[in-house]
Amino acid sequence: MEQEKNKIGVIKTFVRITTIASLISGLVMLILLVLFNFSGVFTIKTLPGTKYENGFTYPGWQSIFFGMGEMMIQGYTEFGFDIYTCLGLFIPFIAIIVCSIIYLNNLKKKGTNRKKAILDFVMAGTILFGSIMLFNCDNFSILMASQVEGSYQSYYNEYLLPALNGEVSFTKEIYPYLILVFGILFTLIKTANGGLLIYQKKYALKLKKAKETK
């Protein structure tokens, strides 16, 4: 019986550690999602004498809402609203806020392990989804650019397509990689915490049944 009590103590310690890590990871992910809008996510550079001969790095918000390049010009669109990166940004953002509030309200309540585990699994799933969507912001923007109609100048044909073919370059910046790496890490942390919460609950029930049968 003493061995079981010691094991419960060890499980509680691990749960406490992973819970703190889970809450911190949620906060950090929120910050990363906000910063995505203002960070450079991909860069185009074209041949000398063309519009982007000096290169231009697109901020995240342009990859989501409206691609206009260096400045807004009436009647000119580089790529339109992208639903994929929009969902990749807002689904985890909203899920983390809502789930974290519910999680904190149940943090010290007994018998809420399953509820907290479900919240962690939801956040883990949305973070993984969001990080994959935002990592592919360049590919989605290329797709959106190819579908633009009505612009007085074809960004896709005149600048993007040549750059993709080596005149000169269209490259992903480091921030989408950071989003993906941290997103996977935070997904693992939240999944581990949810799993430990479930295990703790099951082990406690097992001990309770063992006591009742004695």
Protein backbone atom coordinates (compact mmCIF):
# COMPACT_ATOMS: atom_id res chain seq x y z
CA MET A 1 0.00 0.00 0.00
CA GLU A 2 2.91 2.30 0.79
CA GLN A 3 4.27 1.68 -2.70
CA GLU A 4 0.97 2.73 -4.28
CA LYS A 5 0.93 5.95 -2.21
CA ASN A 6 4.45 6.76 -3.36
CA LYS A 7 3.42 6.16 -6.96
CA ILE A 8 0.44 8.49 -6.56
CA GLY A 9 2.82 11.13 -5.20
CA VAL A 10 5.11 10.74 -8.21
CA ILE A 11 2.17 10.97 -10.64
CA LYS A 12 0.92 14.14 -8.90
CA THR A 13 4.36 15.71 -9.22
CA PHE A 14 4.54 14.92 -12.93
CA VAL A 15 1.00 16.22 -13.47
CA ARG A 16 1.88 19.45 -11.67
CA ILE A 17 4.94 19.93 -13.89
CA THR A 18 3.14 19.13 -17.15
CA THR A 19 0.17 21.30 -16.17
CA ILE A 20 2.43 24.32 -15.68
CA ALA A 21 4.22 23.52 -18.95
CA SER A 22 0.86 23.16 -20.71
CA LEU A 23 -0.45 26.51 -19.47
CA ILE A 24 2.79 28.29 -20.40
CA SER A 25 2.85 26.67 -23.84
CA GLY A 26 -0.68 27.93 -24.50
CA LEU A 27 0.33 31.49 -23.61
CA VAL A 28 3.47 31.33 -25.75
CA MET A 29 1.48 29.95 -28.69
CA LEU A 30 -0.97 32.85 -28.42
CA ILE A 31 1.95 35.29 -28.62
CA LEU A 32 3.43 33.45 -31.61
CA LEU A 33 0.07 33.56 -33.41
CA VAL A 34 -0.24 37.31 -32.88
CA LEU A 35 3.35 37.92 -33.98
CA PHE A 36 2.75 35.90 -37.16
CA ASN A 37 0.78 38.84 -38.53
CA PHE A 38 3.72 41.22 -38.21
CA SER A 39 6.61 38.86 -39.00
CA GLY A 40 8.08 38.26 -42.43
CA VAL A 41 6.85 34.90 -43.72
CA PHE A 42 8.11 34.71 -47.31
CA THR A 43 10.24 36.79 -49.65
CA ILE A 44 10.15 37.40 -53.39
CA LYS A 45 13.12 38.65 -55.38
CA THR A 46 12.99 39.24 -59.13
CA LEU A 47 15.42 40.15 -61.91
CA PRO A 48 17.14 43.58 -62.09
CA GLY A 49 14.85 46.19 -63.60
CA THR A 50 11.67 44.52 -62.32
CA LYS A 51 9.42 45.52 -59.41
CA TYR A 52 11.01 43.30 -56.78
CA GLU A 53 14.65 43.48 -57.82
CA ASN A 54 15.56 44.51 -54.25
CA GLY A 55 13.36 41.82 -52.75
CA PHE A 56 10.25 42.16 -50.61
CA THR A 57 9.36 40.18 -47.49
CA TYR A 58 5.62 39.75 -46.93
CA PRO A 59 4.24 40.11 -43.40
CA GLY A 60 1.93 37.34 -42.22
CA TRP A 61 -1.21 39.46 -42.39
CA GLN A 62 -0.81 39.89 -46.15
CA SER A 63 -0.59 36.13 -46.61
CA ILE A 64 -3.93 35.82 -44.80
CA PHE A 65 -6.04 38.80 -45.73
CA PHE A 66 -4.82 40.73 -48.76
CA GLY A 67 -1.57 40.60 -50.72
CA MET A 68 -0.63 44.07 -51.90
CA GLY A 69 3.16 43.97 -51.88
CA GLU A 70 5.08 47.13 -50.96
CA MET A 71 2.05 49.43 -51.02
CA MET A 72 -1.69 49.49 -51.62
CA ILE A 73 -2.55 50.45 -55.20
CA GLN A 74 -6.15 50.82 -56.32
CA GLY A 75 -7.14 48.04 -58.68
CA TYR A 76 -4.05 45.97 -57.95
CA THR A 77 -4.15 42.67 -56.03
CA GLU A 78 -1.32 40.17 -55.65
CA PHE A 79 -3.25 37.48 -53.81
CA GLY A 80 -6.63 37.49 -52.13
CA PHE A 81 -8.08 36.37 -48.81
CA ASP A 82 -6.84 32.91 -47.81
CA ILE A 83 -9.33 30.90 -45.75
CA TYR A 84 -6.76 28.21 -44.92
CA THR A 85 -4.25 30.44 -43.15
CA CYS A 86 -7.12 32.44 -41.63
CA LEU A 87 -8.47 29.28 -40.00
CA GLY A 88 -4.93 28.29 -39.09
CA LEU A 89 -4.58 31.53 -37.16
CA PHE A 90 -7.98 31.98 -35.55
CA ILE A 91 -9.05 28.41 -34.70
CA PRO A 92 -6.12 27.73 -32.34
CA PHE A 93 -6.19 31.35 -31.09
CA ILE A 94 -9.84 31.14 -30.03
CA ALA A 95 -9.53 27.54 -28.79
CA ILE A 96 -6.54 28.35 -26.56
CA ILE A 97 -8.27 31.37 -24.99
CA VAL A 98 -11.60 29.61 -24.36
CA CYS A 99 -10.12 26.30 -23.23
CA SER A 100 -7.50 27.97 -21.00
CA ILE A 101 -10.18 30.00 -19.19
CA ILE A 102 -12.24 26.85 -18.56
CA TYR A 103 -9.08 24.96 -17.58
CA LEU A 104 -8.04 27.61 -15.03
CA ASN A 105 -11.55 27.65 -13.54
CA ASN A 106 -11.24 23.89 -12.95
CA LEU A 107 -7.55 23.87 -12.01
CA LYS A 108 -8.01 23.12 -8.31
CA LYS A 109 -11.38 21.38 -8.47
CA LYS A 110 -11.43 17.69 -7.65
CA GLY A 111 -12.82 15.18 -10.12
CA THR A 112 -12.11 17.33 -13.18
CA ASN A 113 -9.17 15.40 -14.64
CA ARG A 114 -11.15 14.09 -17.59
CA LYS A 115 -12.54 17.55 -18.34
CA LYS A 116 -9.08 19.14 -18.22
CA ALA A 117 -7.64 16.34 -20.35
CA ILE A 118 -10.29 16.93 -23.03
CA LEU A 119 -9.48 20.65 -22.99
CA ASP A 120 -5.77 19.87 -23.43
CA PHE A 121 -6.50 17.48 -26.31
CA VAL A 122 -8.67 20.12 -28.03
CA MET A 123 -5.92 22.72 -27.69
CA ALA A 124 -3.29 20.24 -28.88
CA GLY A 125 -5.33 19.39 -31.97
CA THR A 126 -6.02 23.01 -32.90
CA ILE A 127 -2.39 24.05 -32.30
CA LEU A 128 -1.14 21.26 -34.58
CA PHE A 129 -3.70 22.20 -37.23
CA GLY A 130 -2.83 25.89 -37.00
CA SER A 131 0.93 25.39 -37.10
CA ILE A 132 0.66 23.22 -40.24
CA MET A 133 -1.64 25.72 -41.98
CA LEU A 134 0.56 28.71 -41.14
CA PHE A 135 3.72 26.83 -42.11
CA ASN A 136 2.23 26.41 -45.58
CA CYS A 137 1.31 30.10 -45.91
CA ASP A 138 3.62 30.48 -48.92
CA ASN A 139 2.00 27.59 -50.79
CA PHE A 140 -1.50 28.87 -50.05
CA SER A 141 -0.53 32.38 -51.17
CA ILE A 142 0.80 30.98 -54.45
CA LEU A 143 -2.54 29.22 -54.92
CA MET A 144 -4.48 32.41 -54.12
CA ALA A 145 -2.29 34.46 -56.47
CA SER A 146 -3.02 32.07 -59.34
CA GLN A 147 -6.76 32.69 -58.86
CA VAL A 148 -6.71 36.51 -58.81
CA GLU A 149 -8.94 38.11 -61.44
CA GLY A 150 -9.58 41.74 -62.31
CA SER A 151 -6.21 43.12 -61.20
CA TYR A 152 -4.78 45.66 -63.67
CA GLN A 153 -1.48 43.75 -63.54
CA SER A 154 -0.94 40.00 -63.11
CA TYR A 155 1.37 39.56 -60.14
CA TYR A 156 1.27 35.78 -60.59
CA ASN A 157 2.37 35.77 -64.24
CA GLU A 158 4.71 38.76 -64.21
CA TYR A 159 6.53 38.34 -60.89
CA LEU A 160 5.63 35.24 -58.91
CA LEU A 161 5.81 32.57 -61.61
CA PRO A 162 9.21 33.77 -62.91
CA ALA A 163 10.52 33.91 -59.31
CA LEU A 164 9.32 30.37 -58.66
CA ASN A 165 11.13 29.28 -61.83
CA GLY A 166 14.40 30.79 -60.63
CA GLU A 167 14.14 34.45 -61.70
CA VAL A 168 15.36 35.08 -58.96
CA SER A 169 13.69 33.49 -55.90
CA PHE A 170 10.58 33.00 -53.80
CA THR A 171 11.55 31.68 -50.36
CA LYS A 172 9.93 30.89 -47.03
CA GLU A 173 11.34 32.85 -44.08
CA ILE A 174 12.25 31.39 -40.67
CA TYR A 175 9.04 32.40 -38.83
CA PRO A 176 6.76 29.73 -40.39
CA TYR A 177 9.39 27.15 -39.40
CA LEU A 178 9.32 28.47 -35.82
CA ILE A 179 5.52 28.25 -35.77
CA LEU A 180 5.68 24.62 -36.94
CA VAL A 181 8.44 23.54 -34.52
CA PHE A 182 6.89 25.21 -31.48
CA GLY A 183 3.42 24.07 -32.56
CA ILE A 184 4.53 20.43 -32.62
CA LEU A 185 6.35 20.85 -29.28
CA PHE A 186 3.32 22.44 -27.60
CA THR A 187 1.05 19.76 -29.09
CA LEU A 188 3.22 17.08 -27.48
CA ILE A 189 3.24 18.90 -24.13
CA LYS A 190 -0.53 19.29 -24.04
CA THR A 191 -1.10 15.72 -25.22
CA ALA A 192 1.27 14.42 -22.53
CA ASN A 193 -0.50 16.46 -19.84
CA GLY A 194 -3.91 15.23 -20.99
CA GLY A 195 -2.66 11.64 -20.99
CA LEU A 196 -1.21 11.99 -17.50
CA LEU A 197 -4.45 13.48 -16.18
CA ILE A 198 -6.40 10.49 -17.54
CA TYR A 199 -3.82 8.07 -16.13
CA GLN A 200 -3.93 9.77 -12.73
CA LYS A 201 -7.71 9.47 -12.62
CA LYS A 202 -7.67 5.79 -13.64
CA TYR A 203 -4.96 4.93 -11.13
CA ALA A 204 -6.82 6.71 -8.32
CA LEU A 205 -10.00 4.77 -9.18
CA LYS A 206 -8.02 1.53 -9.22
CA LEU A 207 -6.70 2.22 -5.71
CA LYS A 208 -10.18 3.15 -4.51
CA LYS A 209 -11.62 -0.13 -5.77
CA ALA A 210 -8.74 -2.06 -4.21
CA LYS A 211 -9.47 -0.46 -0.81
CA GLU A 212 -13.18 -1.25 -1.10
CA THR A 213 -12.53 -4.94 -1.81
CA LYS A 214 -10.37 -5.34 1.30
